[in-house]
Amino acid sequence: MLRIIALTELGLCWIAWVLAFANARRRATFQKKTVRALESRWGIILQMAGFALAWAYVRPPAFEQPPASLIASMLLGPPSVALAWTATHHLGKQWRYEAALIEGHELIQTGPYRWVRHPIYASMLGMLLTTGTAWTWWPMFLAALVLFVMGTEIRVRAEDGLLAKHFQESFAKYRARVYAYVPFIR
Protein backbone atom coordinates (compact mmCIF):
# COMPACT_ATOMS: atom_id res chain seq x y z
CA MET A 1 0.00 0.00 0.00
CA LEU A 2 2.84 2.41 0.85
CA ARG A 3 4.32 1.81 -2.62
CA ILE A 4 1.03 2.75 -4.31
CA ILE A 5 0.71 5.90 -2.22
CA ALA A 6 4.33 6.91 -2.87
CA LEU A 7 4.07 6.34 -6.63
CA THR A 8 0.75 8.20 -6.80
CA GLU A 9 2.27 11.13 -4.95
CA LEU A 10 5.29 10.98 -7.28
CA GLY A 11 3.04 11.26 -10.32
CA LEU A 12 1.04 14.11 -8.80
CA CYS A 13 4.23 15.94 -7.83
CA TRP A 14 5.55 15.68 -11.37
CA ILE A 15 2.31 17.05 -12.80
CA ALA A 16 2.33 19.98 -10.36
CA TRP A 17 6.04 20.59 -11.00
CA VAL A 18 5.58 20.74 -14.78
CA LEU A 19 2.63 23.11 -14.38
CA ALA A 20 4.88 25.60 -12.59
CA PHE A 21 6.88 25.95 -15.81
CA ALA A 22 3.86 26.05 -18.12
CA ASN A 23 2.64 29.00 -16.07
CA ALA A 24 6.08 30.67 -16.19
CA ARG A 25 6.36 30.17 -19.94
CA ARG A 26 3.15 32.14 -20.53
CA ARG A 27 4.58 35.13 -18.65
CA ALA A 28 7.90 34.97 -20.52
CA THR A 29 6.57 34.38 -24.05
CA PHE A 30 6.96 37.86 -25.52
CA GLN A 31 10.24 38.86 -23.87
CA LYS A 32 13.11 39.55 -26.24
CA LYS A 33 16.37 37.73 -25.47
CA THR A 34 19.40 39.99 -25.67
CA VAL A 35 22.22 37.61 -24.70
CA ARG A 36 22.28 33.81 -24.59
CA ALA A 37 24.77 31.25 -23.34
CA LEU A 38 24.45 28.44 -25.87
CA GLU A 39 26.63 26.09 -23.78
CA SER A 40 23.72 25.83 -21.36
CA ARG A 41 22.03 23.58 -23.94
CA TRP A 42 24.61 20.87 -23.22
CA GLY A 43 23.67 21.11 -19.58
CA ILE A 44 19.99 20.71 -20.45
CA ILE A 45 20.79 17.58 -22.48
CA LEU A 46 22.75 16.04 -19.59
CA GLN A 47 20.04 16.89 -17.07
CA MET A 48 17.37 15.32 -19.27
CA ALA A 49 19.54 12.21 -19.75
CA GLY A 50 19.74 11.98 -15.96
CA PHE A 51 15.96 12.15 -15.66
CA ALA A 52 15.60 9.54 -18.42
CA LEU A 53 17.84 7.16 -16.46
CA ALA A 54 15.89 7.80 -13.28
CA TRP A 55 12.64 6.85 -15.04
CA ALA A 56 14.09 3.90 -16.98
CA TYR A 57 12.48 0.61 -16.04
CA VAL A 58 15.80 -1.18 -15.64
CA ARG A 59 15.87 -3.30 -12.49
CA PRO A 60 16.39 -6.84 -11.29
CA PRO A 61 13.36 -9.16 -11.06
CA ALA A 62 11.06 -8.50 -8.10
CA PHE A 63 12.76 -5.16 -7.33
CA GLU A 64 10.94 -2.92 -4.87
CA GLN A 65 12.10 0.14 -2.98
CA PRO A 66 12.29 -0.31 0.81
CA PRO A 67 9.69 1.54 2.91
CA ALA A 68 12.24 4.09 4.18
CA SER A 69 13.09 5.02 0.60
CA LEU A 70 9.41 5.44 -0.28
CA ILE A 71 8.85 7.64 2.77
CA ALA A 72 11.90 9.75 1.83
CA SER A 73 10.40 10.22 -1.62
CA MET A 74 7.10 11.31 -0.14
CA LEU A 75 8.87 13.87 2.05
CA LEU A 76 11.06 15.29 -0.79
CA GLY A 77 8.42 15.72 -3.49
CA PRO A 78 6.09 18.42 -2.15
CA PRO A 79 8.85 20.87 -1.08
CA SER A 80 10.50 20.42 -4.49
CA VAL A 81 7.24 21.33 -6.21
CA ALA A 82 6.69 24.31 -3.91
CA LEU A 83 10.23 25.51 -4.62
CA ALA A 84 9.63 25.36 -8.39
CA TRP A 85 6.41 27.36 -8.11
CA THR A 86 7.96 29.95 -5.82
CA ALA A 87 11.11 30.31 -7.93
CA THR A 88 9.26 30.71 -11.22
CA HIS A 89 6.93 33.22 -9.58
CA HIS A 90 9.82 35.37 -8.36
CA LEU A 91 11.71 35.05 -11.65
CA GLY A 92 8.59 36.06 -13.55
CA LYS A 93 9.06 37.14 -17.15
CA GLN A 94 12.80 36.43 -16.95
CA TRP A 95 12.38 32.63 -16.80
CA ARG A 96 13.97 30.73 -19.73
CA TYR A 97 14.80 27.12 -20.62
CA GLU A 98 18.30 28.14 -21.62
CA ALA A 99 20.63 30.67 -20.02
CA ALA A 100 19.64 34.06 -21.43
CA LEU A 101 19.15 37.67 -20.46
CA ILE A 102 16.22 39.80 -21.63
CA GLU A 103 15.87 43.52 -22.13
CA GLY A 104 15.68 45.16 -18.71
CA HIS A 105 16.87 41.99 -16.95
CA GLU A 106 16.95 42.29 -13.16
CA LEU A 107 19.01 40.40 -10.61
CA ILE A 108 16.35 38.60 -8.58
CA GLN A 109 17.26 38.23 -4.91
CA THR A 110 13.82 37.70 -3.37
CA GLY A 111 11.95 34.58 -2.33
CA PRO A 112 14.05 31.43 -2.70
CA TYR A 113 16.72 33.47 -4.51
CA ARG A 114 17.70 34.79 -1.07
CA TRP A 115 19.03 31.33 -0.15
CA VAL A 116 20.17 29.80 -3.47
CA ARG A 117 21.04 31.47 -6.76
CA HIS A 118 19.42 28.70 -8.79
CA PRO A 119 16.36 27.42 -6.88
CA ILE A 120 14.87 25.89 -10.03
CA TYR A 121 17.90 23.58 -10.26
CA ALA A 122 17.47 22.82 -6.57
CA SER A 123 13.85 21.86 -7.28
CA MET A 124 14.99 19.74 -10.23
CA LEU A 125 17.47 17.97 -7.98
CA GLY A 126 14.70 17.45 -5.46
CA MET A 127 12.48 15.89 -8.13
CA LEU A 128 15.33 13.65 -9.29
CA LEU A 129 15.87 12.50 -5.69
CA THR A 130 12.11 12.04 -5.27
CA THR A 131 11.95 9.89 -8.40
CA GLY A 132 15.08 7.95 -7.53
CA THR A 133 14.00 7.08 -4.02
CA ALA A 134 10.51 5.98 -5.12
CA TRP A 135 11.20 4.30 -8.44
CA THR A 136 14.79 3.81 -9.54
CA TRP A 137 17.15 0.88 -9.02
CA TRP A 138 20.27 2.25 -7.25
CA PRO A 139 22.85 1.80 -10.10
CA MET A 140 20.54 3.68 -12.48
CA PHE A 141 19.87 6.27 -9.79
CA LEU A 142 23.59 6.84 -9.27
CA ALA A 143 24.18 7.25 -13.02
CA ALA A 144 21.20 9.60 -13.24
CA LEU A 145 22.55 11.69 -10.38
CA VAL A 146 26.01 11.96 -11.97
CA LEU A 147 24.60 13.10 -15.32
CA PHE A 148 22.21 15.52 -13.67
CA VAL A 149 24.93 17.15 -11.55
CA MET A 150 27.24 17.45 -14.58
CA GLY A 151 24.47 19.15 -16.57
CA THR A 152 23.52 21.41 -13.69
CA GLU A 153 27.11 22.52 -13.17
CA ILE A 154 27.32 23.47 -16.87
CA ARG A 155 24.10 25.45 -16.61
CA VAL A 156 25.10 27.16 -13.35
CA ARG A 157 28.41 28.27 -14.83
CA ALA A 158 26.72 29.53 -18.01
CA GLU A 159 24.09 31.51 -16.13
CA ASP A 160 26.52 32.84 -13.54
CA GLY A 161 28.79 33.95 -16.39
CA LEU A 162 26.00 35.93 -18.05
CA LEU A 163 24.90 37.48 -14.76
CA ALA A 164 28.46 38.33 -13.72
CA LYS A 165 29.13 40.07 -17.02
CA HIS A 166 25.84 42.00 -16.92
CA PHE A 167 25.56 42.88 -13.22
CA GLN A 168 29.29 42.90 -12.37
CA GLU A 169 29.87 43.91 -8.74
CA SER A 170 26.29 43.44 -7.56
CA PHE A 171 26.34 39.85 -8.84
CA ALA A 172 29.79 39.27 -7.31
CA LYS A 173 28.41 40.29 -3.90
CA TYR A 174 25.30 38.15 -4.38
CA ARG A 175 27.39 35.16 -5.46
CA ALA A 176 29.70 35.54 -2.46
CA ARG A 177 26.84 35.33 0.04
CA VAL A 178 24.34 32.96 -1.66
CA TYR A 179 24.86 29.28 -2.48
CA ALA A 180 24.48 28.00 -6.05
CA TYR A 181 21.71 25.37 -5.87
CA VAL A 182 22.53 23.20 -2.87
CA PRO A 183 22.90 24.93 0.50
CA PHE A 184 26.48 24.93 1.82
CA ILE A 185 27.97 24.35 -1.65
CA ARG A 186 29.02 27.47 -3.54
C-alpha atoms as a PDB file:
ATOM      1  CA  MET A   1       0.000   0.000   0.000  1.00  0.00           C
ATOM      2  CA  LEU A   2       2.843   2.411   0.845  1.00  0.00           C
ATOM      3  CA  ARG A   3       4.320   1.811  -2.615  1.00  0.00           C
ATOM      4  CA  ILE A   4       1.031   2.752  -4.310  1.00  0.00           C
ATOM      5  CA  ILE A   5       0.711   5.900  -2.219  1.00  0.00           C
ATOM      6  CA  ALA A   6       4.331   6.915  -2.874  1.00  0.00           C
ATOM      7  CA  LEU A   7       4.066   6.337  -6.631  1.00  0.00           C
ATOM      8  CA  THR A   8       0.747   8.195  -6.796  1.00  0.00           C
ATOM      9  CA  GLU A   9       2.269  11.131  -4.949  1.00  0.00           C
ATOM     10  CA  LEU A  10       5.288  10.977  -7.275  1.00  0.00           C
ATOM     11  CA  GLY A  11       3.035  11.257 -10.316  1.00  0.00           C
ATOM     12  CA  LEU A  12       1.036  14.114  -8.803  1.00  0.00           C
ATOM     13  CA  CYS A  13       4.229  15.945  -7.828  1.00  0.00           C
ATOM     14  CA  TRP A  14       5.549  15.676 -11.367  1.00  0.00           C
ATOM     15  CA  ILE A  15       2.305  17.052 -12.801  1.00  0.00           C
ATOM     16  CA  ALA A  16       2.333  19.976 -10.365  1.00  0.00           C
ATOM     17  CA  TRP A  17       6.043  20.591 -10.995  1.00  0.00           C
ATOM     18  CA  VAL A  18       5.581  20.744 -14.779  1.00  0.00           C
ATOM     19  CA  LEU A  19       2.629  23.105 -14.385  1.00  0.00           C
ATOM     20  CA  ALA A  20       4.884  25.603 -12.592  1.00  0.00           C
ATOM     21  CA  PHE A  21       6.882  25.946 -15.805  1.00  0.00           C
ATOM     22  CA  ALA A  22       3.863  26.047 -18.115  1.00  0.00           C
ATOM     23  CA  ASN A  23       2.643  29.002 -16.073  1.00  0.00           C
ATOM     24  CA  ALA A  24       6.083  30.666 -16.194  1.00  0.00           C
ATOM     25  CA  ARG A  25       6.361  30.172 -19.938  1.00  0.00           C
ATOM     26  CA  ARG A  26       3.155  32.141 -20.535  1.00  0.00           C
ATOM     27  CA  ARG A  27       4.583  35.126 -18.650  1.00  0.00           C
ATOM     28  CA  ALA A  28       7.901  34.968 -20.521  1.00  0.00           C
ATOM     29  CA  THR A  29       6.572  34.381 -24.046  1.00  0.00           C
ATOM     30  CA  PHE A  30       6.955  37.863 -25.518  1.00  0.00           C
ATOM     31  CA  GLN A  31      10.237  38.856 -23.868  1.00  0.00           C
ATOM     32  CA  LYS A  32      13.114  39.552 -26.239  1.00  0.00           C
ATOM     33  CA  LYS A  33      16.371  37.732 -25.475  1.00  0.00           C
ATOM     34  CA  THR A  34      19.403  39.989 -25.673  1.00  0.00           C
ATOM     35  CA  VAL A  35      22.217  37.613 -24.697  1.00  0.00           C
ATOM     36  CA  ARG A  36      22.280  33.806 -24.594  1.00  0.00           C
ATOM     37  CA  ALA A  37      24.772  31.247 -23.339  1.00  0.00           C
ATOM     38  CA  LEU A  38      24.453  28.436 -25.871  1.00  0.00           C
ATOM     39  CA  GLU A  39      26.626  26.090 -23.782  1.00  0.00           C
ATOM     40  CA  SER A  40      23.718  25.832 -21.361  1.00  0.00           C
ATOM     41  CA  ARG A  41      22.029  23.581 -23.937  1.00  0.00           C
ATOM     42  CA  TRP A  42      24.614  20.872 -23.216  1.00  0.00           C
ATOM     43  CA  GLY A  43      23.668  21.111 -19.577  1.00  0.00           C
ATOM     44  CA  ILE A  44      19.988  20.712 -20.447  1.00  0.00           C
ATOM     45  CA  ILE A  45      20.793  17.578 -22.481  1.00  0.00           C
ATOM     46  CA  LEU A  46      22.750  16.036 -19.593  1.00  0.00           C
ATOM     47  CA  GLN A  47      20.040  16.888 -17.066  1.00  0.00           C
ATOM     48  CA  MET A  48      17.365  15.319 -19.272  1.00  0.00           C
ATOM     49  CA  ALA A  49      19.541  12.214 -19.746  1.00  0.00           C
ATOM     50  CA  GLY A  50      19.737  11.985 -15.955  1.00  0.00           C
ATOM     51  CA  PHE A  51      15.958  12.153 -15.664  1.00  0.00           C
ATOM     52  CA  ALA A  52      15.596   9.537 -18.417  1.00  0.00           C
ATOM     53  CA  LEU A  53      17.843   7.160 -16.464  1.00  0.00           C
ATOM     54  CA  ALA A  54      15.889   7.797 -13.281  1.00  0.00           C
ATOM     55  CA  TRP A  55      12.641   6.854 -15.040  1.00  0.00           C
ATOM     56  CA  ALA A  56      14.091   3.903 -16.977  1.00  0.00           C
ATOM     57  CA  TYR A  57      12.478   0.609 -16.042  1.00  0.00           C
ATOM     58  CA  VAL A  58      15.802  -1.183 -15.641  1.00  0.00           C
ATOM     59  CA  ARG A  59      15.874  -3.300 -12.490  1.00  0.00           C
ATOM     60  CA  PRO A  60      16.387  -6.844 -11.287  1.00  0.00           C
ATOM     61  CA  PRO A  61      13.361  -9.164 -11.063  1.00  0.00           C
ATOM     62  CA  ALA A  62      11.056  -8.497  -8.097  1.00  0.00           C
ATOM     63  CA  PHE A  63      12.760  -5.160  -7.334  1.00  0.00           C
ATOM     64  CA  GLU A  64      10.939  -2.916  -4.871  1.00  0.00           C
ATOM     65  CA  GLN A  65      12.096   0.138  -2.975  1.00  0.00           C
ATOM     66  CA  PRO A  66      12.294  -0.313   0.808  1.00  0.00           C
ATOM     67  CA  PRO A  67       9.688   1.535   2.913  1.00  0.00           C
ATOM     68  CA  ALA A  68      12.242   4.090   4.180  1.00  0.00           C
ATOM     69  CA  SER A  69      13.087   5.016   0.599  1.00  0.00           C
ATOM     70  CA  LEU A  70       9.406   5.444  -0.282  1.00  0.00           C
ATOM     71  CA  ILE A  71       8.855   7.640   2.767  1.00  0.00           C
ATOM     72  CA  ALA A  72      11.904   9.752   1.829  1.00  0.00           C
ATOM     73  CA  SER A  73      10.401  10.221  -1.619  1.00  0.00           C
ATOM     74  CA  MET A  74       7.100  11.307  -0.139  1.00  0.00           C
ATOM     75  CA  LEU A  75       8.875  13.874   2.046  1.00  0.00           C
ATOM     76  CA  LEU A  76      11.059  15.286  -0.786  1.00  0.00           C
ATOM     77  CA  GLY A  77       8.423  15.722  -3.493  1.00  0.00           C
ATOM     78  CA  PRO A  78       6.085  18.423  -2.146  1.00  0.00           C
ATOM     79  CA  PRO A  79       8.851  20.866  -1.084  1.00  0.00           C
ATOM     80  CA  SER A  80      10.500  20.420  -4.492  1.00  0.00           C
ATOM     81  CA  VAL A  81       7.238  21.326  -6.211  1.00  0.00           C
ATOM     82  CA  ALA A  82       6.686  24.312  -3.912  1.00  0.00           C
ATOM     83  CA  LEU A  83      10.231  25.515  -4.616  1.00  0.00           C
ATOM     84  CA  ALA A  84       9.632  25.361  -8.388  1.00  0.00           C
ATOM     85  CA  TRP A  85       6.413  27.359  -8.113  1.00  0.00           C
ATOM     86  CA  THR A  86       7.964  29.953  -5.820  1.00  0.00           C
ATOM     87  CA  ALA A  87      11.111  30.309  -7.927  1.00  0.00           C
ATOM     88  CA  THR A  88       9.261  30.710 -11.224  1.00  0.00           C
ATOM     89  CA  HIS A  89       6.925  33.216  -9.584  1.00  0.00           C
ATOM     90  CA  HIS A  90       9.822  35.367  -8.359  1.00  0.00           C
ATOM     91  CA  LEU A  91      11.713  35.047 -11.645  1.00  0.00           C
ATOM     92  CA  GLY A  92       8.585  36.061 -13.550  1.00  0.00           C
ATOM     93  CA  LYS A  93       9.065  37.143 -17.148  1.00  0.00           C
ATOM     94  CA  GLN A  94      12.799  36.432 -16.949  1.00  0.00           C
ATOM     95  CA  TRP A  95      12.380  32.629 -16.803  1.00  0.00           C
ATOM     96  CA  ARG A  96      13.972  30.727 -19.728  1.00  0.00           C
ATOM     97  CA  TYR A  97      14.801  27.120 -20.616  1.00  0.00           C
ATOM     98  CA  GLU A  98      18.299  28.143 -21.622  1.00  0.00           C
ATOM     99  CA  ALA A  99      20.626  30.667 -20.024  1.00  0.00           C
ATOM    100  CA  ALA A 100      19.638  34.064 -21.432  1.00  0.00           C
ATOM    101  CA  LEU A 101      19.147  37.669 -20.456  1.00  0.00           C
ATOM    102  CA  ILE A 102      16.224  39.798 -21.631  1.00  0.00           C
ATOM    103  CA  GLU A 103      15.870  43.520 -22.126  1.00  0.00           C
ATOM    104  CA  GLY A 104      15.678  45.161 -18.710  1.00  0.00           C
ATOM    105  CA  HIS A 105      16.872  41.995 -16.950  1.00  0.00           C
ATOM    106  CA  GLU A 106      16.946  42.295 -13.157  1.00  0.00           C
ATOM    107  CA  LEU A 107      19.012  40.404 -10.610  1.00  0.00           C
ATOM    108  CA  ILE A 108      16.346  38.596  -8.584  1.00  0.00           C
ATOM    109  CA  GLN A 109      17.260  38.232  -4.912  1.00  0.00           C
ATOM    110  CA  THR A 110      13.819  37.704  -3.370  1.00  0.00           C
ATOM    111  CA  GLY A 111      11.947  34.576  -2.330  1.00  0.00           C
ATOM    112  CA  PRO A 112      14.052  31.433  -2.698  1.00  0.00           C
ATOM    113  CA  TYR A 113      16.721  33.473  -4.506  1.00  0.00           C
ATOM    114  CA  ARG A 114      17.699  34.787  -1.072  1.00  0.00           C
ATOM    115  CA  TRP A 115      19.031  31.331  -0.153  1.00  0.00           C
ATOM    116  CA  VAL A 116      20.166  29.804  -3.465  1.00  0.00           C
ATOM    117  CA  ARG A 117      21.044  31.470  -6.761  1.00  0.00           C
ATOM    118  CA  HIS A 118      19.419  28.695  -8.789  1.00  0.00           C
ATOM    119  CA  PRO A 119      16.363  27.418  -6.884  1.00  0.00           C
ATOM    120  CA  ILE A 120      14.874  25.887 -10.033  1.00  0.00           C
ATOM    121  CA  TYR A 121      17.900  23.583 -10.256  1.00  0.00           C
ATOM    122  CA  ALA A 122      17.470  22.817  -6.568  1.00  0.00           C
ATOM    123  CA  SER A 123      13.852  21.856  -7.277  1.00  0.00           C
ATOM    124  CA  MET A 124      14.991  19.736 -10.232  1.00  0.00           C
ATOM    125  CA  LEU A 125      17.474  17.970  -7.975  1.00  0.00           C
ATOM    126  CA  GLY A 126      14.698  17.447  -5.459  1.00  0.00           C
ATOM    127  CA  MET A 127      12.484  15.891  -8.134  1.00  0.00           C
ATOM    128  CA  LEU A 128      15.333  13.648  -9.286  1.00  0.00           C
ATOM    129  CA  LEU A 129      15.868  12.498  -5.691  1.00  0.00           C
ATOM    130  CA  THR A 130      12.112  12.036  -5.270  1.00  0.00           C
ATOM    131  CA  THR A 131      11.954   9.886  -8.395  1.00  0.00           C
ATOM    132  CA  GLY A 132      15.082   7.946  -7.530  1.00  0.00           C
ATOM    133  CA  THR A 133      14.004   7.078  -4.020  1.00  0.00           C
ATOM    134  CA  ALA A 134      10.513   5.982  -5.117  1.00  0.00           C
ATOM    135  CA  TRP A 135      11.195   4.296  -8.437  1.00  0.00           C
ATOM    136  CA  THR A 136      14.788   3.808  -9.544  1.00  0.00           C
ATOM    137  CA  TRP A 137      17.152   0.876  -9.018  1.00  0.00           C
ATOM    138  CA  TRP A 138      20.267   2.253  -7.248  1.00  0.00           C
ATOM    139  CA  PRO A 139      22.845   1.802 -10.103  1.00  0.00           C
ATOM    140  CA  MET A 140      20.538   3.681 -12.484  1.00  0.00           C
ATOM    141  CA  PHE A 141      19.866   6.269  -9.791  1.00  0.00           C
ATOM    142  CA  LEU A 142      23.589   6.839  -9.268  1.00  0.00           C
ATOM    143  CA  ALA A 143      24.184   7.245 -13.023  1.00  0.00           C
ATOM    144  CA  ALA A 144      21.203   9.600 -13.236  1.00  0.00           C
ATOM    145  CA  LEU A 145      22.549  11.691 -10.383  1.00  0.00           C
ATOM    146  CA  VAL A 146      26.014  11.957 -11.974  1.00  0.00           C
ATOM    147  CA  LEU A 147      24.602  13.103 -15.325  1.00  0.00           C
ATOM    148  CA  PHE A 148      22.215  15.522 -13.671  1.00  0.00           C
ATOM    149  CA  VAL A 149      24.930  17.152 -11.547  1.00  0.00           C
ATOM    150  CA  MET A 150      27.240  17.454 -14.581  1.00  0.00           C
ATOM    151  CA  GLY A 151      24.471  19.145 -16.566  1.00  0.00           C
ATOM    152  CA  THR A 152      23.518  21.409 -13.689  1.00  0.00           C
ATOM    153  CA  GLU A 153      27.107  22.519 -13.172  1.00  0.00           C
ATOM    154  CA  ILE A 154      27.320  23.466 -16.866  1.00  0.00           C
ATOM    155  CA  ARG A 155      24.103  25.448 -16.608  1.00  0.00           C
ATOM    156  CA  VAL A 156      25.103  27.164 -13.346  1.00  0.00           C
ATOM    157  CA  ARG A 157      28.415  28.269 -14.832  1.00  0.00           C
ATOM    158  CA  ALA A 158      26.718  29.528 -18.010  1.00  0.00           C
ATOM    159  CA  GLU A 159      24.086  31.513 -16.129  1.00  0.00           C
ATOM    160  CA  ASP A 160      26.517  32.836 -13.543  1.00  0.00           C
ATOM    161  CA  GLY A 161      28.793  33.948 -16.391  1.00  0.00           C
ATOM    162  CA  LEU A 162      25.997  35.928 -18.049  1.00  0.00           C
ATOM    163  CA  LEU A 163      24.896  37.477 -14.764  1.00  0.00           C
ATOM    164  CA  ALA A 164      28.459  38.331 -13.720  1.00  0.00           C
ATOM    165  CA  LYS A 165      29.129  40.072 -17.025  1.00  0.00           C
ATOM    166  CA  HIS A 166      25.841  41.999 -16.917  1.00  0.00           C
ATOM    167  CA  PHE A 167      25.556  42.878 -13.219  1.00  0.00           C
ATOM    168  CA  GLN A 168      29.285  42.903 -12.365  1.00  0.00           C
ATOM    169  CA  GLU A 169      29.874  43.913  -8.740  1.00  0.00           C
ATOM    170  CA  SER A 170      26.286  43.443  -7.556  1.00  0.00           C
ATOM    171  CA  PHE A 171      26.344  39.846  -8.840  1.00  0.00           C
ATOM    172  CA  ALA A 172      29.790  39.265  -7.312  1.00  0.00           C
ATOM    173  CA  LYS A 173      28.414  40.287  -3.902  1.00  0.00           C
ATOM    174  CA  TYR A 174      25.304  38.154  -4.384  1.00  0.00           C
ATOM    175  CA  ARG A 175      27.386  35.157  -5.463  1.00  0.00           C
ATOM    176  CA  ALA A 176      29.696  35.539  -2.460  1.00  0.00           C
ATOM    177  CA  ARG A 177      26.838  35.332   0.039  1.00  0.00           C
ATOM    178  CA  VAL A 178      24.339  32.959  -1.656  1.00  0.00           C
ATOM    179  CA  TYR A 179      24.863  29.277  -2.481  1.00  0.00           C
ATOM    180  CA  ALA A 180      24.477  27.996  -6.053  1.00  0.00           C
ATOM    181  CA  TYR A 181      21.710  25.371  -5.871  1.00  0.00           C
ATOM    182  CA  VAL A 182      22.534  23.198  -2.875  1.00  0.00           C
ATOM    183  CA  PRO A 183      22.902  24.927   0.501  1.00  0.00           C
ATOM    184  CA  PHE A 184      26.478  24.929   1.820  1.00  0.00           C
ATOM    185  CA  ILE A 185      27.971  24.346  -1.652  1.00  0.00           C
ATOM    186  CA  ARG A 186      29.016  27.467  -3.536  1.00  0.00           C
END
